[in-house]
């Protein structure tokens, strides 16, 4: 069976990591021949299994599918000018038209059994687009699948665009049951196409990497948050306000580490200084192996406004680290409230007492760790879902 996955890039990110894990899983099945077409490369390219064939876009496609901050880091004036030119063009003719021009040159006559658009288009974005268009218009395949990694209602998907986009797809895969229900509510005419495939995790690899180095010297209470530092959805600025409240309550026997990079990193560093919490908050930046941090931390804390099926929660549970999370749509599909973690609303007023309580009562975290140890995380459900859909005739 010939399968094509189409990706925007392999930069560090949740969807990219989910794709790597999916490729590792499907590459184990001998009857699958797997191709990947990625518009642009990235640091995670090295993690693609060796038996997967990888094709990359031309220079212009690579430049528009790479975050501008990454392009600037290369200090190639010609590439920066080309990227700016593309930004001007897309404002004149629209994202769809620019992508259509570029993607047409990458089409070929190969017939696939399955073609998969693995990245959902980002609403209101100029450049985080294109995989749906490419699979729909420029790939020959017996069946076409689209993967949707977020809550379409919370992420403000455009109804009219989605109706057109998914018309020619045979399956729309959501990463959680909650997202499936929301997508069925959002696109009821496509409800028979909508199914769930949970994210995969390389469990043994994660456990091995978690012991690769010592991340930090253990303190009284070590808190951890991981993700793209982008406040609109991930809301990392809440952490700084929570730390201020904790310190005002004379709770300072903790260290809150934040892993990741993004457009709001500098702003959040400044806010930490202004609020006087830079002594308890540590911005680590990009970390290609975050697992030792997860393993050593007492609790992982997720402050997101919304999520699909966050990879970092599964990774924490694999490493037996309890999770405190906001009540995103699929939270209860990963967290059993009070057993392997705690679920709270997304506002500071509700997050604060929960976090203060676990800092002052470490025994509750030990009880959760014991539950996680006795209920090991597995990929069994995701494996059953994938094989059922991929091998269906």
Protein backbone atom coordinates (compact mmCIF):
# COMPACT_ATOMS: atom_id res chain seq x y z
CA UNK A 1 0.00 0.00 0.00
CA UNK A 2 1.43 3.39 -1.05
CA UNK A 3 0.81 6.22 1.41
CA UNK A 4 1.71 9.90 1.08
CA UNK A 5 1.91 12.28 4.05
CA UNK A 6 2.02 16.01 3.24
CA UNK A 7 3.53 18.42 5.80
CA UNK A 8 4.21 22.15 6.00
CA UNK A 9 7.57 21.75 7.72
CA UNK A 10 9.52 19.81 10.34
CA UNK A 11 10.25 22.70 12.69
CA UNK A 12 9.91 22.02 16.41
CA UNK A 13 6.21 21.88 17.21
CA UNK A 14 3.39 19.69 18.50
CA UNK A 15 1.95 18.73 15.10
CA UNK A 16 5.41 18.04 13.70
CA UNK A 17 6.22 15.77 16.65
CA UNK A 18 2.88 14.02 16.23
CA UNK A 19 3.73 13.40 12.57
CA UNK A 20 7.16 12.00 13.46
CA UNK A 21 5.53 9.61 15.93
CA UNK A 22 2.91 8.57 13.37
CA UNK A 23 5.62 7.92 10.77
CA UNK A 24 7.53 5.80 13.28
CA UNK A 25 4.40 3.77 13.87
CA UNK A 26 3.28 3.23 10.26
CA UNK A 27 6.85 2.52 9.10
CA UNK A 28 6.74 -0.65 11.23
CA UNK A 29 4.03 -2.13 8.99
CA UNK A 30 5.73 -3.97 6.13
CA UNK A 31 2.81 -3.59 3.70
CA UNK A 32 2.98 0.23 3.85
CA UNK A 33 5.31 2.11 1.46
CA UNK A 34 5.54 5.63 2.83
CA UNK A 35 6.39 8.92 1.14
CA UNK A 36 6.51 12.32 2.81
CA UNK A 37 6.30 15.57 0.90
CA UNK A 38 7.23 18.49 3.13
CA UNK A 39 7.11 22.07 1.91
CA UNK A 40 10.13 22.93 4.10
CA UNK A 41 12.67 21.18 6.28
CA UNK A 42 13.40 21.67 9.99
CA UNK A 43 15.23 20.32 13.01
CA UNK A 44 12.96 17.27 13.28
CA UNK A 45 13.91 15.95 9.82
CA UNK A 46 16.59 13.82 11.49
CA UNK A 47 13.88 11.91 13.38
CA UNK A 48 12.06 10.67 10.26
CA UNK A 49 12.45 6.86 10.02
CA UNK A 50 15.08 5.81 7.43
CA UNK A 51 12.63 3.67 5.44
CA UNK A 52 10.42 6.72 4.69
CA UNK A 53 11.00 8.51 1.36
CA UNK A 54 11.17 12.29 1.82
CA UNK A 55 10.64 14.98 -0.83
CA UNK A 56 11.07 18.70 -0.18
CA UNK A 57 9.63 21.80 -1.85
CA UNK A 58 11.57 24.25 -4.01
CA UNK A 59 13.19 27.36 -2.55
CA UNK A 60 10.13 29.61 -2.68
CA UNK A 61 7.89 26.98 -1.12
CA UNK A 62 10.48 26.33 1.58
CA UNK A 63 10.69 30.02 2.39
CA UNK A 64 6.95 30.56 2.83
CA UNK A 65 6.57 27.35 4.86
CA UNK A 66 9.36 28.34 7.25
CA UNK A 67 8.60 30.82 10.06
CA UNK A 68 10.03 34.23 9.21
CA UNK A 69 12.03 34.26 12.45
CA UNK A 70 13.81 31.09 11.30
CA UNK A 71 14.52 32.58 7.86
CA UNK A 72 16.06 35.67 9.48
CA UNK A 73 18.32 33.51 11.66
CA UNK A 74 20.04 32.19 8.53
CA UNK A 75 21.26 35.74 7.74
CA UNK A 76 20.90 35.11 4.02
CA UNK A 77 19.87 38.50 2.61
CA UNK A 78 18.58 36.97 -0.64
CA UNK A 79 16.32 34.55 1.25
CA UNK A 80 15.02 37.30 3.54
CA UNK A 81 14.20 39.50 0.53
CA UNK A 82 12.43 36.62 -1.23
CA UNK A 83 10.39 35.89 1.90
CA UNK A 84 9.37 39.55 2.19
CA UNK A 85 8.46 39.53 -1.51
CA UNK A 86 6.22 36.52 -0.91
CA UNK A 87 4.58 38.32 2.01
CA UNK A 88 3.74 41.23 -0.31
CA UNK A 89 2.45 38.94 -3.06
CA UNK A 90 0.20 36.97 -0.73
CA UNK A 91 -1.44 40.20 0.40
CA UNK A 92 -2.11 41.09 -3.23
CA UNK A 93 -3.39 37.76 -4.58
CA UNK A 94 -4.24 35.76 -1.43
CA UNK A 95 -2.69 32.67 0.17
CA UNK A 96 -4.68 30.16 -1.85
CA UNK A 97 -3.64 31.62 -5.19
CA UNK A 98 0.05 31.82 -4.24
CA UNK A 99 0.07 28.27 -2.92
CA UNK A 100 -1.77 27.02 -6.00
CA UNK A 101 0.91 28.52 -8.27
CA UNK A 102 3.77 27.02 -6.24
CA UNK A 103 2.19 23.65 -5.51
CA UNK A 104 1.22 22.95 -9.10
CA UNK A 105 4.91 22.62 -9.98
CA UNK A 106 5.29 19.89 -7.34
CA UNK A 107 2.52 17.59 -8.58
CA UNK A 108 3.46 14.26 -10.15
CA UNK A 109 1.70 11.35 -11.81
CA UNK A 110 2.24 8.81 -9.05
CA UNK A 111 -0.96 7.15 -7.83
CA UNK A 112 -1.22 6.61 -4.08
CA UNK A 113 -3.60 4.35 -2.21
CA UNK A 114 -3.89 7.00 0.51
CA UNK A 115 -2.84 10.68 0.52
CA UNK A 116 -2.88 12.53 3.83
CA UNK A 117 -2.90 16.25 4.54
CA UNK A 118 -1.40 16.11 8.03
CA UNK A 119 -1.50 19.84 8.90
CA UNK A 120 -4.78 21.65 9.45
CA UNK A 121 -4.66 25.14 7.96
CA UNK A 122 -4.19 27.83 10.60
CA UNK A 123 -7.15 30.28 10.57
CA UNK A 124 -6.34 33.89 9.66
CA UNK A 125 -2.73 33.03 8.76
CA UNK A 126 -0.99 33.92 5.52
CA UNK A 127 1.51 31.08 5.34
CA UNK A 128 0.50 28.19 7.65
CA UNK A 129 -1.56 26.74 4.85
CA UNK A 130 -1.37 24.55 1.78
CA UNK A 131 -1.34 20.86 2.70
CA UNK A 132 -5.11 20.53 2.27
CA UNK A 133 -4.94 22.27 -1.10
CA UNK A 134 -2.04 20.13 -2.32
CA UNK A 135 -3.67 16.80 -1.47
CA UNK A 136 -7.03 17.91 -2.84
CA UNK A 137 -5.89 19.39 -6.17
CA UNK A 138 -2.42 18.08 -6.98
CA UNK A 139 -2.22 14.49 -5.72
CA UNK A 140 -3.69 11.38 -7.34
CA UNK A 141 -4.97 8.99 -4.69
CA UNK A 142 -7.71 6.42 -4.23
CA UNK A 143 -8.51 7.84 -0.80
CA UNK A 144 -7.73 11.23 0.70
CA UNK A 145 -7.52 11.92 4.43
CA UNK A 146 -7.15 15.17 6.40
CA UNK A 147 -5.83 15.34 9.96
CA UNK A 148 -7.29 17.96 12.31
CA UNK A 149 -5.25 18.63 15.44
CA UNK A 150 -7.29 21.22 17.28
CA UNK A 151 -10.76 22.17 18.44
CA UNK A 152 -12.40 23.76 15.34
CA UNK A 153 -14.78 25.82 17.46
CA UNK A 154 -12.16 27.32 19.78
CA UNK A 155 -9.70 27.82 16.90
CA UNK A 156 -12.29 29.83 14.92
CA UNK A 157 -12.29 27.69 11.79
CA UNK A 158 -14.09 29.39 8.88
CA UNK A 159 -17.25 27.42 8.03
CA UNK A 160 -17.45 28.32 4.34
CA UNK A 161 -13.75 27.58 3.80
CA UNK A 162 -14.02 24.22 5.59
CA UNK A 163 -17.05 23.15 3.54
CA UNK A 164 -15.07 23.67 0.34
CA UNK A 165 -11.76 22.37 1.73
CA UNK A 166 -13.06 19.02 2.98
CA UNK A 167 -15.56 18.29 0.22
CA UNK A 168 -13.26 15.91 -1.67
CA UNK A 169 -11.79 14.17 1.40
CA UNK A 170 -12.86 10.65 2.33
CA UNK A 171 -11.94 10.93 6.01
CA UNK A 172 -11.38 13.75 8.49
CA UNK A 173 -9.33 12.45 11.42
CA UNK A 174 -9.59 14.25 14.74
CA UNK A 175 -7.08 13.63 17.52
CA UNK A 176 -9.71 13.28 20.24
CA UNK A 177 -13.35 12.31 20.72
CA UNK A 178 -14.14 15.80 22.01
CA UNK A 179 -12.72 17.43 18.87
CA UNK A 180 -14.65 14.92 16.77
CA UNK A 181 -17.92 15.91 18.44
CA UNK A 182 -17.17 19.60 17.92
CA UNK A 183 -16.27 19.07 14.27
CA UNK A 184 -19.48 17.08 13.71
CA UNK A 185 -21.41 19.97 15.25
CA UNK A 186 -19.48 22.44 13.09
CA UNK A 187 -19.76 20.44 9.82
CA UNK A 188 -22.82 18.18 10.24
CA UNK A 189 -22.95 17.47 6.49
CA UNK A 190 -19.59 15.67 6.80
CA UNK A 191 -20.33 13.74 10.01
CA UNK A 192 -19.98 10.36 8.26
CA UNK A 193 -16.41 11.27 7.27
CA UNK A 194 -15.25 12.23 10.77
CA UNK A 195 -13.31 9.68 12.85
CA UNK A 196 -10.73 9.67 15.64
CA UNK A 197 -7.10 8.56 15.61
CA UNK A 198 -5.25 9.39 18.81
CA UNK A 199 -1.68 10.64 18.71
CA UNK A 200 1.09 8.04 18.91
CA UNK A 201 4.01 8.13 21.31
CA UNK A 202 7.38 6.33 21.01
CA UNK A 203 7.06 5.15 24.61
CA UNK A 204 10.32 3.26 25.06
CA UNK A 205 12.30 5.96 23.24
CA UNK A 206 10.82 8.67 25.50
CA UNK A 207 11.75 6.69 28.61
CA UNK A 208 15.28 6.17 27.34
CA UNK A 209 15.77 9.84 26.40
CA UNK A 210 14.47 10.91 29.81
CA UNK A 211 17.65 9.53 31.39
CA UNK A 212 20.04 11.02 28.83
CA UNK A 213 21.11 13.85 31.16
CA UNK A 214 20.27 15.56 34.45
CA UNK A 215 18.19 18.62 33.64
CA UNK A 216 18.52 20.52 36.92
CA UNK A 217 19.33 20.20 40.59
CA UNK A 218 16.17 19.04 42.34
CA UNK A 219 14.40 21.61 44.49
CA UNK A 220 11.54 21.47 46.98
CA UNK A 221 8.90 21.76 44.25
CA UNK A 222 9.71 21.83 40.53
CA UNK A 223 6.94 22.98 38.18
CA UNK A 224 7.18 22.74 34.40
CA UNK A 225 5.38 24.14 31.35
CA UNK A 226 6.29 23.38 27.73
CA UNK A 227 5.15 24.78 24.41
CA UNK A 228 5.36 27.51 21.83
CA UNK A 229 5.63 30.81 23.71
CA UNK A 230 2.56 32.38 22.17
CA UNK A 231 0.16 33.94 24.63
CA UNK A 232 -3.02 34.07 22.53
CA UNK A 233 -3.54 30.30 22.72
CA UNK A 234 -0.88 28.90 25.10
CA UNK A 235 -1.27 31.78 27.61
CA UNK A 236 2.15 31.52 29.20
CA UNK A 237 1.71 35.01 30.64
CA UNK A 238 -0.73 33.50 33.15
CA UNK A 239 2.20 31.65 34.74
CA UNK A 240 3.81 34.95 35.67
CA UNK A 241 0.65 36.28 37.31
CA UNK A 242 0.21 32.97 39.14
CA UNK A 243 3.76 33.22 40.47
CA UNK A 244 3.05 36.73 41.72
CA UNK A 245 -0.01 35.49 43.63
CA UNK A 246 1.98 32.59 45.10
CA UNK A 247 4.74 34.89 46.30
CA UNK A 248 2.19 37.32 47.79
CA UNK A 249 0.84 34.36 49.78
CA UNK A 250 4.38 33.66 51.03
CA UNK A 251 4.65 30.54 48.87
CA UNK A 252 8.08 30.70 47.30
CA UNK A 253 9.49 27.18 47.78
CA UNK A 254 9.10 26.35 44.09
CA UNK A 255 10.81 26.81 40.75
CA UNK A 256 8.69 27.10 37.57
CA UNK A 257 10.62 26.25 34.40
CA UNK A 258 9.26 27.14 30.95
CA UNK A 259 10.57 25.29 27.89
CA UNK A 260 10.04 26.64 24.40
CA UNK A 261 10.47 29.59 22.08
CA UNK A 262 8.04 31.85 20.29
CA UNK A 263 6.96 35.39 19.49
CA UNK A 264 6.05 36.31 23.08
CA UNK A 265 9.20 35.03 24.80
CA UNK A 266 10.86 38.43 25.24
CA UNK A 267 7.59 40.04 26.32
CA UNK A 268 7.09 37.37 28.98
CA UNK A 269 10.65 37.73 30.25
CA UNK A 270 10.03 41.45 30.69
CA UNK A 271 6.74 40.79 32.46
CA UNK A 272 8.45 38.34 34.85
CA UNK A 273 10.90 41.09 35.79
CA UNK A 274 8.16 43.72 36.16
CA UNK A 275 6.09 41.45 38.42
CA UNK A 276 9.13 40.53 40.49
CA UNK A 277 8.90 36.80 39.81
CA UNK A 278 12.10 36.32 37.80
CA UNK A 279 13.63 34.63 40.86
CA UNK A 280 11.12 31.73 40.70
CA UNK A 281 10.57 31.54 36.92
CA UNK A 282 13.22 30.22 34.55
CA UNK A 283 12.88 30.48 30.76
CA UNK A 284 14.88 27.57 29.33
CA UNK A 285 14.23 28.23 25.63
CA UNK A 286 14.25 25.58 22.94
CA UNK A 287 15.11 22.11 24.22
CA UNK A 288 15.47 19.29 21.69
CA UNK A 289 15.21 16.66 24.42
CA UNK A 290 12.77 17.94 27.07
CA UNK A 291 12.20 14.53 28.63
CA UNK A 292 14.74 14.81 31.48
CA UNK A 293 12.96 18.04 32.50
CA UNK A 294 9.61 16.23 32.46
CA UNK A 295 10.94 13.22 34.38
CA UNK A 296 12.52 15.34 37.13
CA UNK A 297 9.62 17.79 37.55
CA UNK A 298 6.96 17.26 40.21
CA UNK A 299 4.11 18.38 37.98
CA UNK A 300 3.51 19.55 34.41
CA UNK A 301 1.16 22.54 34.07
CA UNK A 302 -0.80 23.38 30.92
CA UNK A 303 -2.35 26.87 30.71
CA UNK A 304 -3.70 26.71 27.13
CA UNK A 305 -6.96 28.35 26.09
CA UNK A 306 -7.61 25.33 23.87
CA UNK A 307 -5.88 22.20 22.60
CA UNK A 308 -6.61 19.18 20.43
CA UNK A 309 -4.79 16.29 22.10
CA UNK A 310 -1.56 17.82 23.44
CA UNK A 311 1.54 15.68 23.00
CA UNK A 312 3.16 17.00 26.16
CA UNK A 313 0.40 15.61 28.38
CA UNK A 314 0.91 12.09 26.99
CA UNK A 315 4.68 12.47 27.37
CA UNK A 316 4.30 13.52 31.01
CA UNK A 317 2.09 10.52 31.79
CA UNK A 318 4.58 8.17 30.10
CA UNK A 319 7.25 9.57 32.45
CA UNK A 320 4.90 9.31 35.46
CA UNK A 321 4.65 13.06 36.01
CA UNK A 322 1.20 14.31 37.13
CA UNK A 323 -0.49 17.06 35.09
CA UNK A 324 -2.47 20.15 36.01
CA UNK A 325 -4.38 21.39 32.98
CA UNK A 326 -7.07 23.78 31.87
CA UNK A 327 -10.32 22.16 30.75
CA UNK A 328 -9.66 22.01 26.99
CA UNK A 329 -12.11 19.90 24.98
CA UNK A 330 -10.30 16.56 25.29
CA UNK A 331 -8.81 17.06 28.77
CA UNK A 332 -10.83 14.20 30.26
CA UNK A 333 -9.64 11.82 27.52
CA UNK A 334 -6.11 12.16 28.90
CA UNK A 335 -6.56 13.17 32.53
CA UNK A 336 -8.67 11.40 35.17
CA UNK A 337 -9.29 14.34 37.49
CA UNK A 338 -7.78 13.67 40.91
CA UNK A 339 -6.07 10.44 39.80
CA UNK A 340 -3.29 11.21 37.29
CA UNK A 341 -3.75 14.96 37.36
CA UNK A 342 -6.10 17.86 38.00
CA UNK A 343 -8.40 19.73 35.62
CA UNK A 344 -9.38 23.32 36.29
CA UNK A 345 -10.87 26.21 34.36
CA UNK A 346 -8.53 28.46 32.46
CA UNK A 347 -8.65 31.58 34.62
CA UNK A 348 -6.05 32.63 37.17
CA UNK A 349 -8.58 32.61 40.02
CA UNK A 350 -9.21 28.86 39.59
CA UNK A 351 -5.67 27.84 38.64
CA UNK A 352 -4.10 29.56 41.64
CA UNK A 353 -5.66 27.55 44.52
CA UNK A 354 -5.04 24.25 42.69
CA UNK A 355 -1.35 25.01 42.14
CA UNK A 356 -0.92 26.45 45.65
CA UNK A 357 -2.49 23.29 47.08
CA UNK A 358 -0.12 20.87 45.33
CA UNK A 359 2.92 22.98 46.28
CA UNK A 360 1.90 22.84 49.93
CA UNK A 361 0.74 19.21 49.83
CA UNK A 362 3.33 17.19 47.92
CA UNK A 363 1.73 13.95 49.15
CA UNK A 364 -1.15 14.45 46.72
CA UNK A 365 1.33 14.39 43.83
CA UNK A 366 2.87 11.17 45.14
CA UNK A 367 -0.57 9.57 45.18
CA UNK A 368 -1.07 10.62 41.56
CA UNK A 369 2.37 9.30 40.58
CA UNK A 370 1.47 5.92 42.10
CA UNK A 371 -1.76 5.82 40.08
CA UNK A 372 0.13 6.64 36.85
CA UNK A 373 2.71 3.94 37.60
CA UNK A 374 -0.07 1.38 38.05
CA UNK A 375 -1.88 2.49 34.85
CA UNK A 376 0.85 2.61 32.22
CA UNK A 377 0.29 4.66 29.05
CA UNK A 378 -0.02 2.60 25.82
CA UNK A 379 -0.60 3.16 22.10
CA UNK A 380 -3.06 0.30 21.78
CA UNK A 381 -6.18 2.38 21.06
CA UNK A 382 -4.40 4.56 18.47
CA UNK A 383 -3.00 1.46 16.76
CA UNK A 384 -6.46 -0.09 16.49
CA UNK A 385 -7.92 3.15 15.10
CA UNK A 386 -5.19 3.61 12.49
CA UNK A 387 -5.13 0.04 11.17
CA UNK A 388 -8.93 -0.04 10.97
CA UNK A 389 -9.02 3.13 8.83
CA UNK A 390 -5.92 2.60 6.71
CA UNK A 391 -6.66 -1.01 5.78
CA UNK A 392 -10.37 -0.48 5.14
CA UNK A 393 -11.42 -1.14 1.55
